[in-house]
């Protein structure tokens, strides 16, 4: 029974990938999210975090970052998903800005 849960778990199929966020923030941010802790590394132009994520972008992760950095210019991953500055998804995320 336990084996079936592991094989069919969404995170079991997640691959190592990177999320990137356009922001002027510079430094590192440690942000708890679910059962993980995300370590965002920001260079004043882009913040990035790598890990075992699903292929979709996470509104929760985006909003957690925005609460600390201010609004983002974009939010994307290495699987080709992107929320641009004019997208409704990024507008929803940016509502969480401080």
Protein backbone atom coordinates (compact mmCIF):
# COMPACT_ATOMS: atom_id res chain seq x y z
CA UNK A 1 0.00 0.00 0.00
CA UNK A 2 2.76 2.45 0.91
CA UNK A 3 4.56 1.76 -2.38
CA UNK A 4 1.45 2.77 -4.32
CA UNK A 5 1.30 6.08 -2.47
CA UNK A 6 4.90 6.86 -3.31
CA UNK A 7 4.60 5.96 -6.98
CA UNK A 8 1.40 7.93 -7.57
CA UNK A 9 2.25 10.94 -5.44
CA UNK A 10 2.50 14.16 -7.53
CA UNK A 11 5.83 15.02 -5.91
CA UNK A 12 7.21 11.56 -6.79
CA UNK A 13 7.00 12.60 -10.44
CA UNK A 14 8.44 16.07 -9.92
CA UNK A 15 11.82 16.73 -11.46
CA UNK A 16 14.59 18.98 -10.31
CA UNK A 17 13.94 22.35 -11.86
CA UNK A 18 14.42 26.04 -11.20
CA UNK A 19 11.89 28.79 -10.59
CA UNK A 20 12.94 32.35 -11.49
CA UNK A 21 11.37 35.64 -10.44
CA UNK A 22 12.10 39.13 -11.79
CA UNK A 23 12.80 41.46 -8.86
CA UNK A 24 15.34 44.06 -7.73
CA UNK A 25 15.75 42.32 -4.38
CA UNK A 26 19.32 41.32 -3.52
CA UNK A 27 20.22 38.65 -0.97
CA UNK A 28 18.96 35.25 0.16
CA UNK A 29 15.51 34.43 1.45
CA UNK A 30 14.49 31.26 3.28
CA UNK A 31 10.76 30.72 2.84
CA UNK A 32 8.79 27.77 4.26
CA UNK A 33 6.26 26.32 1.83
CA UNK A 34 4.28 23.22 2.66
CA UNK A 35 6.70 20.50 3.72
CA UNK A 36 9.71 22.23 2.11
CA UNK A 37 11.85 25.25 2.79
CA UNK A 38 12.76 27.26 -0.30
CA UNK A 39 16.12 29.05 -0.40
CA UNK A 40 15.75 31.87 -2.91
CA UNK A 41 19.02 33.45 -4.12
CA UNK A 42 18.54 36.95 -5.50
CA UNK A 43 21.12 39.04 -7.38
CA UNK A 44 19.24 42.33 -7.75
CA UNK A 45 17.73 41.32 -11.08
CA UNK A 46 16.46 37.76 -10.64
CA UNK A 47 15.68 35.47 -7.72
CA UNK A 48 16.05 31.74 -8.29
CA UNK A 49 15.35 28.57 -6.37
CA UNK A 50 15.97 24.97 -7.43
CA UNK A 51 14.29 21.83 -6.17
CA UNK A 52 11.89 19.01 -6.88
CA UNK A 53 8.81 20.90 -8.00
CA UNK A 54 5.86 20.03 -10.19
CA UNK A 55 5.84 21.46 -13.71
CA UNK A 56 3.29 24.15 -12.86
CA UNK A 57 4.02 27.48 -11.21
CA UNK A 58 2.89 27.88 -7.63
CA UNK A 59 0.79 30.89 -6.62
CA UNK A 60 1.67 30.10 -3.00
CA UNK A 61 5.42 30.23 -3.72
CA UNK A 62 5.02 33.41 -5.77
CA UNK A 63 3.02 35.19 -3.07
CA UNK A 64 5.41 34.08 -0.32
CA UNK A 65 8.28 35.62 -2.28
CA UNK A 66 6.39 38.82 -3.15
CA UNK A 67 5.61 39.43 0.54
CA UNK A 68 9.36 39.83 1.08
CA UNK A 69 10.61 41.34 -2.19
CA UNK A 70 7.75 43.47 -3.45
CA UNK A 71 6.06 43.02 -6.86
CA UNK A 72 7.66 40.82 -9.51
CA UNK A 73 8.18 41.57 -13.21
CA UNK A 74 7.83 37.88 -14.14
CA UNK A 75 7.67 34.42 -12.58
CA UNK A 76 8.76 31.36 -14.58
CA UNK A 77 10.30 27.91 -14.44
CA UNK A 78 12.74 25.87 -16.48
CA UNK A 79 9.87 23.82 -17.91
CA UNK A 80 8.75 26.80 -20.00
CA UNK A 81 5.87 28.04 -17.84
CA UNK A 82 5.84 31.83 -17.42
CA UNK A 83 3.70 34.51 -15.84
CA UNK A 84 4.50 37.78 -17.59
CA UNK A 85 4.03 41.26 -16.17
CA UNK A 86 0.65 41.61 -17.91
CA UNK A 87 -0.71 38.16 -16.97
CA UNK A 88 -3.62 37.80 -14.58
CA UNK A 89 -1.67 35.13 -12.64
CA UNK A 90 1.20 37.50 -11.86
CA UNK A 91 -1.26 40.30 -11.04
CA UNK A 92 -2.87 37.96 -8.49
CA UNK A 93 0.54 37.09 -7.07
CA UNK A 94 1.63 40.73 -6.82
CA UNK A 95 -1.44 41.56 -4.71
CA UNK A 96 0.49 40.00 -1.80
CA UNK A 97 3.21 42.69 -2.01
CA UNK A 98 4.00 44.49 1.22
